[in-house]
Amino acid sequence: MNPLIEADDLVRIYETRRGLFGGASPVRAVDGVSLAVMPGETLGIVGESGSGKSTLGRMLLGIDPARAGEVRFSGSPMPKSGTAEWRALRAKMQLVYQDPLAALDRRLTIATQIGEPLEIHRLVQKEHRAARVAELMAAVGLRPDQAGRFPHELSGGQRQRAVIARALASRPKLLVCDEPVSALDVSIQAQVVNVLRDLQEQNGIAMVFISHDLKVVRNIADRVAVMYLGRIVEEASSDVIFQSPQHPYTSALISSVPVPGKPPEGRMILQGEPPNPADRPSGCAFHPRCPLARDICRTSVPALRQIGSGRTAACHVVAGETASVERLRKRA
């Protein structure tokens, strides 16, 4: 089976100014990211705020153009944003936003907004559109009497269900979910995640699920990619990465997730804040906060390499590795 969507060495650079009269400074929001998502698979992307998760998600959809690298959908290069070919392909790729109230037009009813993709992509004849909207609303757990309501008349969870229904209207093959439950209460989060998971199983949709909430990611993702300062530092299946994280950053993230009935023993607390993306540290970007940092980490950027079956990590000193620092220097 071939991947549904592939990214090859993606780079996205923003230009920012240093102060009021300072010159332009490049920020590498995404820095050489490669990944692949199979049909029907869910890839979770996790990391702290500012790690480049949302930018990567928008690049996979072609919304944000890449400075370098390529995205391929079903084996074909992603058309340029704004072209007729890209707009036609967008019916097969949809984005679920973090803030459902901002994603919805407050002047239009829920039924009108769910039906918009059907009209834009000319998928359903006008006389059959209402029936299709009712079908979509039922699929995400919205009642028929809510069709004529406006976004402000629904709860946060109901609004997010409406956003999901609208995303599903064009029968997409890929959903990119950008923090889709972070603004919701915990009980509502579980309901929305269950809706997404059920719809994925029923329709065979592939998902890229972006979140900083590791509990949610563990519940929904088949594989997990961990990002730090624009790069993937570890990738593996969900079960493997949560049971035995290898990269020190992954270990710190997972150790911060509370386990019911267990005291917070052995928690790995990171010191300091993530570095300024416009002023990246030399070598491994994580080394100023890493408790396992060695001299090589301060001078050499680690490559993302295979460290086991179906697992990759970008670390000179992988947890559990017995190689000496000298041997690591020679290898680098």
C-alpha atoms as a PDB file:
ATOM      1  CA  MET A   1       0.000   0.000   0.000  1.00  0.00           C
ATOM      2  CA  ASN A   2       1.311   3.440  -0.975  1.00  0.00           C
ATOM      3  CA  PRO A   3       1.135   6.491   1.319  1.00  0.00           C
ATOM      4  CA  LEU A   4      -1.827   8.814   0.862  1.00  0.00           C
ATOM      5  CA  ILE A   5       0.260  11.889   1.634  1.00  0.00           C
ATOM      6  CA  GLU A   6       4.039  12.284   1.809  1.00  0.00           C
ATOM      7  CA  ALA A   7       6.253  15.180   2.804  1.00  0.00           C
ATOM      8  CA  ASP A   8       9.882  15.263   1.713  1.00  0.00           C
ATOM      9  CA  ASP A   9      12.317  17.606   3.481  1.00  0.00           C
ATOM     10  CA  LEU A  10       9.811  20.446   3.984  1.00  0.00           C
ATOM     11  CA  VAL A  11      11.153  23.877   4.944  1.00  0.00           C
ATOM     12  CA  ARG A  12       9.085  26.934   5.865  1.00  0.00           C
ATOM     13  CA  ILE A  13      10.839  30.206   6.721  1.00  0.00           C
ATOM     14  CA  TYR A  14       9.232  33.380   8.053  1.00  0.00           C
ATOM     15  CA  GLU A  15      10.981  36.749   8.064  1.00  0.00           C
ATOM     16  CA  THR A  16      10.727  38.722  11.309  1.00  0.00           C
ATOM     17  CA  ARG A  17      12.272  42.002  12.444  1.00  0.00           C
ATOM     18  CA  ARG A  18      14.587  42.438  15.413  1.00  0.00           C
ATOM     19  CA  GLY A  19      13.004  45.332  17.273  1.00  0.00           C
ATOM     20  CA  LEU A  20      11.613  48.514  15.745  1.00  0.00           C
ATOM     21  CA  PHE A  21      14.641  49.386  13.618  1.00  0.00           C
ATOM     22  CA  GLY A  22      16.299  45.982  13.411  1.00  0.00           C
ATOM     23  CA  GLY A  23      16.915  44.059  10.228  1.00  0.00           C
ATOM     24  CA  ALA A  24      15.030  41.026   8.992  1.00  0.00           C
ATOM     25  CA  SER A  25      15.695  37.757  10.783  1.00  0.00           C
ATOM     26  CA  PRO A  26      14.715  34.361   9.312  1.00  0.00           C
ATOM     27  CA  VAL A  27      12.704  31.946  11.459  1.00  0.00           C
ATOM     28  CA  ARG A  28      12.718  28.325  10.311  1.00  0.00           C
ATOM     29  CA  ALA A  29       9.250  27.301  11.496  1.00  0.00           C
ATOM     30  CA  VAL A  30       9.565  23.925   9.737  1.00  0.00           C
ATOM     31  CA  ASP A  31      13.087  22.732   9.121  1.00  0.00           C
ATOM     32  CA  GLY A  32      13.564  19.670   6.935  1.00  0.00           C
ATOM     33  CA  VAL A  33      10.534  17.563   7.917  1.00  0.00           C
ATOM     34  CA  SER A  34       9.770  14.304   6.102  1.00  0.00           C
ATOM     35  CA  LEU A  35       6.814  12.036   6.882  1.00  0.00           C
ATOM     36  CA  ALA A  36       4.203   9.782   5.299  1.00  0.00           C
ATOM     37  CA  VAL A  37       0.618   8.899   6.213  1.00  0.00           C
ATOM     38  CA  MET A  38      -1.053   5.743   4.931  1.00  0.00           C
ATOM     39  CA  PRO A  39      -4.747   5.545   3.945  1.00  0.00           C
ATOM     40  CA  GLY A  40      -6.906   5.087   7.049  1.00  0.00           C
ATOM     41  CA  GLU A  41      -4.002   5.840   9.419  1.00  0.00           C
ATOM     42  CA  THR A  42      -3.815   8.502  12.114  1.00  0.00           C
ATOM     43  CA  LEU A  43      -0.507  10.279  12.645  1.00  0.00           C
ATOM     44  CA  GLY A  44      -0.300  12.291  15.862  1.00  0.00           C
ATOM     45  CA  ILE A  45       2.024  15.305  15.889  1.00  0.00           C
ATOM     46  CA  VAL A  46       2.948  16.564  19.339  1.00  0.00           C
ATOM     47  CA  GLY A  47       5.274  19.141  20.837  1.00  0.00           C
ATOM     48  CA  GLU A  48       5.331  22.372  22.812  1.00  0.00           C
ATOM     49  CA  SER A  49       3.802  25.586  21.496  1.00  0.00           C
ATOM     50  CA  GLY A  50       5.996  27.057  18.783  1.00  0.00           C
ATOM     51  CA  SER A  51       7.403  23.723  17.633  1.00  0.00           C
ATOM     52  CA  GLY A  52       5.947  24.112  14.125  1.00  0.00           C
ATOM     53  CA  LYS A  53       3.047  21.638  14.372  1.00  0.00           C
ATOM     54  CA  SER A  54       0.309  23.889  12.954  1.00  0.00           C
ATOM     55  CA  THR A  55       2.563  25.267  10.217  1.00  0.00           C
ATOM     56  CA  LEU A  56       3.403  21.715   9.164  1.00  0.00           C
ATOM     57  CA  GLY A  57      -0.291  20.814   9.036  1.00  0.00           C
ATOM     58  CA  ARG A  58      -1.065  23.787   6.791  1.00  0.00           C
ATOM     59  CA  MET A  59       1.861  22.895   4.541  1.00  0.00           C
ATOM     60  CA  LEU A  60       0.518  19.354   4.114  1.00  0.00           C
ATOM     61  CA  LEU A  61      -2.702  20.891   2.769  1.00  0.00           C
ATOM     62  CA  GLY A  62      -0.863  23.334   0.521  1.00  0.00           C
ATOM     63  CA  ILE A  63      -2.231  26.351   2.423  1.00  0.00           C
ATOM     64  CA  ASP A  64       1.253  27.513   3.458  1.00  0.00           C
ATOM     65  CA  PRO A  65       3.811  27.195   0.633  1.00  0.00           C
ATOM     66  CA  ALA A  66       7.123  25.460   1.306  1.00  0.00           C
ATOM     67  CA  ARG A  67      10.411  27.300   0.851  1.00  0.00           C
ATOM     68  CA  ALA A  68      11.946  23.931   0.003  1.00  0.00           C
ATOM     69  CA  GLY A  69      10.831  20.311  -0.185  1.00  0.00           C
ATOM     70  CA  GLU A  70       7.730  18.721  -1.665  1.00  0.00           C
ATOM     71  CA  VAL A  71       4.316  17.379  -0.641  1.00  0.00           C
ATOM     72  CA  ARG A  72       2.788  14.529  -2.649  1.00  0.00           C
ATOM     73  CA  PHE A  73      -0.847  13.457  -2.456  1.00  0.00           C
ATOM     74  CA  SER A  74      -1.609   9.966  -3.814  1.00  0.00           C
ATOM     75  CA  GLY A  75       1.832   9.991  -5.418  1.00  0.00           C
ATOM     76  CA  SER A  76       1.382  13.305  -7.285  1.00  0.00           C
ATOM     77  CA  PRO A  77       3.022  16.627  -6.336  1.00  0.00           C
ATOM     78  CA  MET A  78       0.771  19.088  -4.539  1.00  0.00           C
ATOM     79  CA  PRO A  79      -0.524  21.716  -7.016  1.00  0.00           C
ATOM     80  CA  LYS A  80       0.330  25.346  -6.346  1.00  0.00           C
ATOM     81  CA  SER A  81      -2.007  27.026  -3.865  1.00  0.00           C
ATOM     82  CA  GLY A  82      -4.841  28.985  -5.468  1.00  0.00           C
ATOM     83  CA  THR A  83      -4.831  27.112  -8.771  1.00  0.00           C
ATOM     84  CA  ALA A  84      -7.870  25.275 -10.131  1.00  0.00           C
ATOM     85  CA  GLU A  85      -6.048  21.961  -9.621  1.00  0.00           C
ATOM     86  CA  TRP A  86      -5.383  22.781  -5.963  1.00  0.00           C
ATOM     87  CA  ARG A  87      -8.974  23.846  -5.331  1.00  0.00           C
ATOM     88  CA  ALA A  88     -10.226  20.602  -6.857  1.00  0.00           C
ATOM     89  CA  LEU A  89      -7.843  18.599  -4.667  1.00  0.00           C
ATOM     90  CA  ARG A  90      -8.964  20.471  -1.539  1.00  0.00           C
ATOM     91  CA  ALA A  91     -12.223  18.522  -1.667  1.00  0.00           C
ATOM     92  CA  LYS A  92     -10.163  15.462  -0.745  1.00  0.00           C
ATOM     93  CA  MET A  93      -8.256  17.234   2.061  1.00  0.00           C
ATOM     94  CA  GLN A  94      -9.967  19.124   4.861  1.00  0.00           C
ATOM     95  CA  LEU A  95      -8.869  21.056   7.945  1.00  0.00           C
ATOM     96  CA  VAL A  96     -10.572  20.893  11.352  1.00  0.00           C
ATOM     97  CA  TYR A  97      -9.735  24.089  13.225  1.00  0.00           C
ATOM     98  CA  GLN A  98      -8.863  24.615  16.868  1.00  0.00           C
ATOM     99  CA  ASP A  99     -11.483  27.297  17.577  1.00  0.00           C
ATOM    100  CA  PRO A 100     -14.857  26.256  16.134  1.00  0.00           C
ATOM    101  CA  LEU A 101     -16.442  29.653  16.803  1.00  0.00           C
ATOM    102  CA  ALA A 102     -13.758  31.377  14.739  1.00  0.00           C
ATOM    103  CA  ALA A 103     -14.059  28.718  12.028  1.00  0.00           C
ATOM    104  CA  LEU A 104     -17.804  29.290  11.602  1.00  0.00           C
ATOM    105  CA  ASP A 105     -19.569  32.343  10.171  1.00  0.00           C
ATOM    106  CA  ARG A 106     -21.761  33.768  12.933  1.00  0.00           C
ATOM    107  CA  ARG A 107     -24.204  35.196  10.369  1.00  0.00           C
ATOM    108  CA  LEU A 108     -25.077  31.836   8.790  1.00  0.00           C
ATOM    109  CA  THR A 109     -27.003  28.879  10.170  1.00  0.00           C
ATOM    110  CA  ILE A 110     -25.282  25.593  10.892  1.00  0.00           C
ATOM    111  CA  ALA A 111     -27.076  23.810   8.047  1.00  0.00           C
ATOM    112  CA  THR A 112     -26.009  26.477   5.536  1.00  0.00           C
ATOM    113  CA  GLN A 113     -22.362  26.200   6.552  1.00  0.00           C
ATOM    114  CA  ILE A 114     -22.311  22.405   6.531  1.00  0.00           C
ATOM    115  CA  GLY A 115     -23.765  22.525   3.015  1.00  0.00           C
ATOM    116  CA  GLU A 116     -21.217  25.040   1.675  1.00  0.00           C
ATOM    117  CA  PRO A 117     -18.667  22.431   0.465  1.00  0.00           C
ATOM    118  CA  LEU A 118     -21.451  20.627  -1.405  1.00  0.00           C
ATOM    119  CA  GLU A 119     -22.168  23.829  -3.314  1.00  0.00           C
ATOM    120  CA  ILE A 120     -18.562  24.947  -3.788  1.00  0.00           C
ATOM    121  CA  HIS A 121     -17.390  21.607  -5.178  1.00  0.00           C
ATOM    122  CA  ARG A 122     -20.728  20.883  -6.906  1.00  0.00           C
ATOM    123  CA  LEU A 123     -21.001  17.492  -5.246  1.00  0.00           C
ATOM    124  CA  VAL A 124     -24.755  17.269  -4.697  1.00  0.00           C
ATOM    125  CA  GLN A 125     -27.638  18.691  -6.696  1.00  0.00           C
ATOM    126  CA  LYS A 126     -29.478  21.518  -4.966  1.00  0.00           C
ATOM    127  CA  GLU A 127     -32.667  19.514  -4.374  1.00  0.00           C
ATOM    128  CA  HIS A 128     -30.718  16.788  -2.554  1.00  0.00           C
ATOM    129  CA  ARG A 129     -28.508  19.115  -0.499  1.00  0.00           C
ATOM    130  CA  ALA A 130     -30.760  19.326   2.563  1.00  0.00           C
ATOM    131  CA  ALA A 131     -30.918  15.540   2.844  1.00  0.00           C
ATOM    132  CA  ARG A 132     -27.123  15.294   2.667  1.00  0.00           C
ATOM    133  CA  VAL A 133     -26.742  17.999   5.354  1.00  0.00           C
ATOM    134  CA  ALA A 134     -29.174  16.115   7.613  1.00  0.00           C
ATOM    135  CA  GLU A 135     -27.152  12.942   7.056  1.00  0.00           C
ATOM    136  CA  LEU A 136     -23.922  14.699   8.008  1.00  0.00           C
ATOM    137  CA  MET A 137     -25.461  16.236  11.125  1.00  0.00           C
ATOM    138  CA  ALA A 138     -26.716  12.838  12.261  1.00  0.00           C
ATOM    139  CA  ALA A 139     -23.260  11.320  11.644  1.00  0.00           C
ATOM    140  CA  VAL A 140     -21.623  13.731  14.120  1.00  0.00           C
ATOM    141  CA  GLY A 141     -24.438  13.605  16.683  1.00  0.00           C
ATOM    142  CA  LEU A 142     -26.248  16.874  15.983  1.00  0.00           C
ATOM    143  CA  ARG A 143     -30.051  16.975  16.220  1.00  0.00           C
ATOM    144  CA  PRO A 144     -32.277  17.989  13.272  1.00  0.00           C
ATOM    145  CA  ASP A 145     -33.681  20.946  15.240  1.00  0.00           C
ATOM    146  CA  GLN A 146     -30.161  22.431  15.479  1.00  0.00           C
ATOM    147  CA  ALA A 147     -29.910  22.871  11.694  1.00  0.00           C
ATOM    148  CA  GLY A 148     -31.443  26.370  11.792  1.00  0.00           C
ATOM    149  CA  ARG A 149     -29.386  27.608  14.737  1.00  0.00           C
ATOM    150  CA  PHE A 150     -26.492  30.035  14.558  1.00  0.00           C
ATOM    151  CA  PRO A 151     -23.031  29.212  15.968  1.00  0.00           C
ATOM    152  CA  HIS A 152     -23.480  31.307  19.120  1.00  0.00           C
ATOM    153  CA  GLU A 153     -26.592  29.283  19.978  1.00  0.00           C
ATOM    154  CA  LEU A 154     -24.607  26.019  20.250  1.00  0.00           C
ATOM    155  CA  SER A 155     -22.182  24.791  22.892  1.00  0.00           C
ATOM    156  CA  GLY A 156     -18.470  24.486  22.143  1.00  0.00           C
ATOM    157  CA  GLY A 157     -18.728  20.753  21.583  1.00  0.00           C
ATOM    158  CA  GLN A 158     -21.724  21.156  19.267  1.00  0.00           C
ATOM    159  CA  ARG A 159     -19.901  23.822  17.257  1.00  0.00           C
ATOM    160  CA  GLN A 160     -16.917  21.525  16.827  1.00  0.00           C
ATOM    161  CA  ARG A 161     -19.240  18.741  15.656  1.00  0.00           C
ATOM    162  CA  ALA A 162     -20.608  21.169  13.060  1.00  0.00           C
ATOM    163  CA  VAL A 163     -17.055  21.952  11.897  1.00  0.00           C
ATOM    164  CA  ILE A 164     -16.347  18.222  11.577  1.00  0.00           C
ATOM    165  CA  ALA A 165     -19.595  17.686   9.648  1.00  0.00           C
ATOM    166  CA  ARG A 166     -18.622  20.461   7.243  1.00  0.00           C
ATOM    167  CA  ALA A 167     -15.169  18.929   6.784  1.00  0.00           C
ATOM    168  CA  LEU A 168     -16.746  15.555   5.981  1.00  0.00           C
ATOM    169  CA  ALA A 169     -19.236  16.967   3.457  1.00  0.00           C
ATOM    170  CA  SER A 170     -16.875  16.503   0.490  1.00  0.00           C
ATOM    171  CA  ARG A 171     -16.029  12.906   1.513  1.00  0.00           C
ATOM    172  CA  PRO A 172     -12.323  13.684   2.036  1.00  0.00           C
ATOM    173  CA  LYS A 173      -9.540  11.146   2.112  1.00  0.00           C
ATOM    174  CA  LEU A 174      -7.476  13.217   4.575  1.00  0.00           C
ATOM    175  CA  LEU A 175      -8.356  15.272   7.656  1.00  0.00           C
ATOM    176  CA  VAL A 176      -5.804  17.566   9.277  1.00  0.00           C
ATOM    177  CA  CYS A 177      -7.051  18.264  12.810  1.00  0.00           C
ATOM    178  CA  ASP A 178      -5.253  21.244  14.358  1.00  0.00           C
ATOM    179  CA  GLU A 179      -5.791  21.118  18.131  1.00  0.00           C
ATOM    180  CA  PRO A 180      -9.462  20.213  17.545  1.00  0.00           C
ATOM    181  CA  VAL A 181     -10.340  19.607  21.218  1.00  0.00           C
ATOM    182  CA  SER A 182      -8.014  21.918  23.149  1.00  0.00           C
ATOM    183  CA  ALA A 183     -10.748  24.539  23.717  1.00  0.00           C
ATOM    184  CA  LEU A 184     -13.260  21.993  25.040  1.00  0.00           C
ATOM    185  CA  ASP A 185     -13.977  20.554  28.472  1.00  0.00           C
ATOM    186  CA  VAL A 186     -12.470  17.136  29.192  1.00  0.00           C
ATOM    187  CA  SER A 187     -15.777  15.255  28.938  1.00  0.00           C
ATOM    188  CA  ILE A 188     -16.599  16.991  25.642  1.00  0.00           C
ATOM    189  CA  GLN A 189     -13.080  16.260  24.379  1.00  0.00           C
ATOM    190  CA  ALA A 190     -13.706  12.542  24.765  1.00  0.00           C
ATOM    191  CA  GLN A 191     -16.997  12.795  22.877  1.00  0.00           C
ATOM    192  CA  VAL A 192     -15.444  14.657  19.940  1.00  0.00           C
ATOM    193  CA  VAL A 193     -12.474  12.279  19.786  1.00  0.00           C
ATOM    194  CA  ASN A 194     -14.853   9.323  19.730  1.00  0.00           C
ATOM    195  CA  VAL A 195     -16.802  10.942  16.880  1.00  0.00           C
ATOM    196  CA  LEU A 196     -13.594  11.423  14.882  1.00  0.00           C
ATOM    197  CA  ARG A 197     -12.435   7.876  15.527  1.00  0.00           C
ATOM    198  CA  ASP A 198     -15.802   6.340  14.595  1.00  0.00           C
ATOM    199  CA  LEU A 199     -16.053   8.385  11.406  1.00  0.00           C
ATOM    200  CA  GLN A 200     -12.513   7.448  10.445  1.00  0.00           C
ATOM    201  CA  GLU A 201     -13.222   3.740  10.854  1.00  0.00           C
ATOM    202  CA  GLN A 202     -16.473   3.996   8.889  1.00  0.00           C
ATOM    203  CA  ASN A 203     -15.034   6.001   6.000  1.00  0.00           C
ATOM    204  CA  GLY A 204     -11.352   4.956   5.947  1.00  0.00           C
ATOM    205  CA  ILE A 205     -10.143   8.534   6.353  1.00  0.00           C
ATOM    206  CA  ALA A 206      -6.475   9.259   7.058  1.00  0.00           C
ATOM    207  CA  MET A 207      -5.847  11.843   9.791  1.00  0.00           C
ATOM    208  CA  VAL A 208      -3.033  14.091  10.897  1.00  0.00           C
ATOM    209  CA  PHE A 209      -3.935  14.918  14.496  1.00  0.00           C
ATOM    210  CA  ILE A 210      -2.012  17.905  15.886  1.00  0.00           C
ATOM    211  CA  SER A 211      -2.122  18.401  19.644  1.00  0.00           C
ATOM    212  CA  HIS A 212      -0.116  19.185  22.748  1.00  0.00           C
ATOM    213  CA  ASP A 213      -2.393  16.924  24.819  1.00  0.00           C
ATOM    214  CA  LEU A 214      -0.623  13.571  24.909  1.00  0.00           C
ATOM    215  CA  LYS A 215      -3.542  11.773  26.562  1.00  0.00           C
ATOM    216  CA  VAL A 216      -5.761  12.575  23.590  1.00  0.00           C
ATOM    217  CA  VAL A 217      -3.051  11.659  21.080  1.00  0.00           C
ATOM    218  CA  ARG A 218      -2.448   8.303  22.754  1.00  0.00           C
ATOM    219  CA  ASN A 219      -6.159   7.561  22.510  1.00  0.00           C
ATOM    220  CA  ILE A 220      -6.515   8.300  18.793  1.00  0.00           C
ATOM    221  CA  ALA A 221      -3.142   8.018  17.013  1.00  0.00           C
ATOM    222  CA  ASP A 222      -1.614   4.952  15.351  1.00  0.00           C
ATOM    223  CA  ARG A 223       1.793   6.620  15.066  1.00  0.00           C
ATOM    224  CA  VAL A 224       3.266   9.670  16.785  1.00  0.00           C
ATOM    225  CA  ALA A 225       5.810  12.205  15.537  1.00  0.00           C
ATOM    226  CA  VAL A 226       7.384  14.460  18.170  1.00  0.00           C
ATOM    227  CA  MET A 227       8.443  17.935  17.011  1.00  0.00           C
ATOM    228  CA  TYR A 228      10.883  20.327  18.619  1.00  0.00           C
ATOM    229  CA  LEU A 229      11.756  23.717  17.127  1.00  0.00           C
ATOM    230  CA  GLY A 230      10.656  22.828  13.614  1.00  0.00           C
ATOM    231  CA  ARG A 231      12.096  19.322  13.398  1.00  0.00           C
ATOM    232  CA  ILE A 232      10.883  15.807  14.107  1.00  0.00           C
ATOM    233  CA  VAL A 233      13.024  14.382  16.908  1.00  0.00           C
ATOM    234  CA  GLU A 234      11.307  11.003  17.295  1.00  0.00           C
ATOM    235  CA  GLU A 235       8.698   8.947  15.468  1.00  0.00           C
ATOM    236  CA  ALA A 236       7.233   5.520  16.278  1.00  0.00           C
ATOM    237  CA  SER A 237       3.963   3.704  16.783  1.00  0.00           C
ATOM    238  CA  SER A 238       1.778   5.143  19.532  1.00  0.00           C
ATOM    239  CA  ASP A 239       2.123   2.119  21.837  1.00  0.00           C
ATOM    240  CA  VAL A 240       5.900   1.979  21.452  1.00  0.00           C
ATOM    241  CA  ILE A 241       6.531   5.683  21.921  1.00  0.00           C
ATOM    242  CA  PHE A 242       4.385   5.936  25.058  1.00  0.00           C
ATOM    243  CA  GLN A 243       5.776   2.758  26.628  1.00  0.00           C
ATOM    244  CA  SER A 244       9.465   3.376  25.913  1.00  0.00           C
ATOM    245  CA  PRO A 245      10.307   6.890  24.710  1.00  0.00           C
ATOM    246  CA  GLN A 246      13.921   7.187  23.561  1.00  0.00           C
ATOM    247  CA  HIS A 247      14.599  10.854  22.848  1.00  0.00           C
ATOM    248  CA  PRO A 248      15.064  12.892  26.081  1.00  0.00           C
ATOM    249  CA  TYR A 249      12.491  15.440  24.904  1.00  0.00           C
ATOM    250  CA  THR A 250       9.909  12.721  24.264  1.00  0.00           C
ATOM    251  CA  SER A 251      10.662  11.231  27.687  1.00  0.00           C
ATOM    252  CA  ALA A 252      10.054  14.608  29.330  1.00  0.00           C
ATOM    253  CA  LEU A 253       6.747  15.113  27.527  1.00  0.00           C
ATOM    254  CA  ILE A 254       5.429  11.662  28.399  1.00  0.00           C
ATOM    255  CA  SER A 255       6.609  11.821  32.005  1.00  0.00           C
ATOM    256  CA  SER A 256       4.473  14.946  32.439  1.00  0.00           C
ATOM    257  CA  VAL A 257       1.266  12.994  31.736  1.00  0.00           C
ATOM    258  CA  PRO A 258      -0.325  12.066  35.098  1.00  0.00           C
ATOM    259  CA  VAL A 259      -1.203   8.402  35.632  1.00  0.00           C
ATOM    260  CA  PRO A 260      -4.314   7.826  37.797  1.00  0.00           C
ATOM    261  CA  GLY A 261      -3.494   6.136  41.091  1.00  0.00           C
ATOM    262  CA  LYS A 262       0.253   6.681  40.792  1.00  0.00           C
ATOM    263  CA  PRO A 263       2.366   9.401  42.438  1.00  0.00           C
ATOM    264  CA  PRO A 264       4.333  11.680  40.071  1.00  0.00           C
ATOM    265  CA  GLU A 265       7.626   9.894  40.712  1.00  0.00           C
ATOM    266  CA  GLY A 266      10.461  10.006  38.236  1.00  0.00           C
ATOM    267  CA  ARG A 267       9.058  12.969  36.372  1.00  0.00           C
ATOM    268  CA  MET A 268      11.604  14.569  34.061  1.00  0.00           C
ATOM    269  CA  ILE A 269      11.262  18.347  34.399  1.00  0.00           C
ATOM    270  CA  LEU A 270      12.815  20.398  31.631  1.00  0.00           C
ATOM    271  CA  GLN A 271      14.716  23.513  32.613  1.00  0.00           C
ATOM    272  CA  GLY A 272      14.141  26.811  30.830  1.00  0.00           C
ATOM    273  CA  GLU A 273      12.006  27.678  27.838  1.00  0.00           C
ATOM    274  CA  PRO A 274      12.307  26.586  24.200  1.00  0.00           C
ATOM    275  CA  PRO A 275      15.001  28.645  22.407  1.00  0.00           C
ATOM    276  CA  ASN A 276      14.180  31.583  20.179  1.00  0.00           C
ATOM    277  CA  PRO A 277      13.539  30.111  16.697  1.00  0.00           C
ATOM    278  CA  ALA A 278      15.273  33.149  15.191  1.00  0.00           C
ATOM    279  CA  ASP A 279      18.407  32.374  17.211  1.00  0.00           C
ATOM    280  CA  ARG A 280      18.713  28.592  17.218  1.00  0.00           C
ATOM    281  CA  PRO A 281      21.401  27.020  19.424  1.00  0.00           C
ATOM    282  CA  SER A 282      24.312  25.378  17.663  1.00  0.00           C
ATOM    283  CA  GLY A 283      24.282  21.606  17.328  1.00  0.00           C
ATOM    284  CA  CYS A 284      21.182  19.906  18.709  1.00  0.00           C
ATOM    285  CA  ALA A 285      18.535  22.571  19.375  1.00  0.00           C
ATOM    286  CA  PHE A 286      17.446  20.683  22.507  1.00  0.00           C
ATOM    287  CA  HIS A 287      20.882  20.505  24.153  1.00  0.00           C
ATOM    288  CA  PRO A 288      20.479  23.635  26.403  1.00  0.00           C
ATOM    289  CA  ARG A 289      17.571  21.867  28.178  1.00  0.00           C
ATOM    290  CA  CYS A 290      18.708  18.250  27.856  1.00  0.00           C
ATOM    291  CA  PRO A 291      19.939  16.415  30.993  1.00  0.00           C
ATOM    292  CA  LEU A 292      21.851  13.927  28.806  1.00  0.00           C
ATOM    293  CA  ALA A 293      23.662  16.501  26.653  1.00  0.00           C
ATOM    294  CA  ARG A 294      27.277  15.755  25.703  1.00  0.00           C
ATOM    295  CA  ASP A 295      29.921  17.839  23.958  1.00  0.00           C
ATOM    296  CA  ILE A 296      28.901  16.458  20.569  1.00  0.00           C
ATOM    297  CA  CYS A 297      25.345  17.692  21.153  1.00  0.00           C
ATOM    298  CA  ARG A 298      26.577  21.284  21.328  1.00  0.00           C
ATOM    299  CA  THR A 299      28.418  21.170  18.006  1.00  0.00           C
ATOM    300  CA  SER A 300      26.728  18.608  15.720  1.00  0.00           C
ATOM    301  CA  VAL A 301      23.103  18.507  14.535  1.00  0.00           C
ATOM    302  CA  PRO A 302      21.792  14.936  14.986  1.00  0.00           C
ATOM    303  CA  ALA A 303      20.178  13.326  11.967  1.00  0.00           C
ATOM    304  CA  LEU A 304      16.859  11.513  12.214  1.00  0.00           C
ATOM    305  CA  ARG A 305      17.973   7.882  12.004  1.00  0.00           C
ATOM    306  CA  GLN A 306      16.568   4.412  12.429  1.00  0.00           C
ATOM    307  CA  ILE A 307      16.999   3.112  15.976  1.00  0.00           C
ATOM    308  CA  GLY A 308      14.724   0.095  15.760  1.00  0.00           C
ATOM    309  CA  SER A 309      11.966  -1.491  13.752  1.00  0.00           C
ATOM    310  CA  GLY A 310       9.574   1.279  12.709  1.00  0.00           C
ATOM    311  CA  ARG A 311      11.239   3.842  14.982  1.00  0.00           C
ATOM    312  CA  THR A 312      13.430   6.851  14.273  1.00  0.00           C
ATOM    313  CA  ALA A 313      15.071   9.422  16.562  1.00  0.00           C
ATOM    314  CA  ALA A 314      17.357  12.427  16.177  1.00  0.00           C
ATOM    315  CA  CYS A 315      19.671  12.135  19.178  1.00  0.00           C
ATOM    316  CA  HIS A 316      23.396  11.572  19.639  1.00  0.00           C
ATOM    317  CA  VAL A 317      22.842   9.919  22.996  1.00  0.00           C
ATOM    318  CA  VAL A 318      19.730   7.785  22.653  1.00  0.00           C
ATOM    319  CA  ALA A 319      18.423   6.460  26.008  1.00  0.00           C
ATOM    320  CA  GLY A 320      19.693   2.953  26.581  1.00  0.00           C
ATOM    321  CA  GLU A 321      22.500   3.229  24.023  1.00  0.00           C
ATOM    322  CA  THR A 322      25.806   1.811  25.239  1.00  0.00           C
ATOM    323  CA  ALA A 323      28.102   3.471  22.708  1.00  0.00           C
ATOM    324  CA  SER A 324      30.668   5.800  24.202  1.00  0.00           C
ATOM    325  CA  VAL A 325      30.816   9.501  23.440  1.00  0.00           C
ATOM    326  CA  GLU A 326      34.087   8.930  21.573  1.00  0.00           C
ATOM    327  CA  ARG A 327      32.459   6.397  19.291  1.00  0.00           C
ATOM    328  CA  LEU A 328      29.546   8.760  18.764  1.00  0.00           C
ATOM    329  CA  ARG A 329      32.007  11.482  17.765  1.00  0.00           C
ATOM    330  CA  LYS A 330      33.534   9.192  15.117  1.00  0.00           C
ATOM    331  CA  ARG A 331      30.073   8.234  13.872  1.00  0.00           C
ATOM    332  CA  ALA A 332      29.129  11.904  13.533  1.00  0.00           C
END
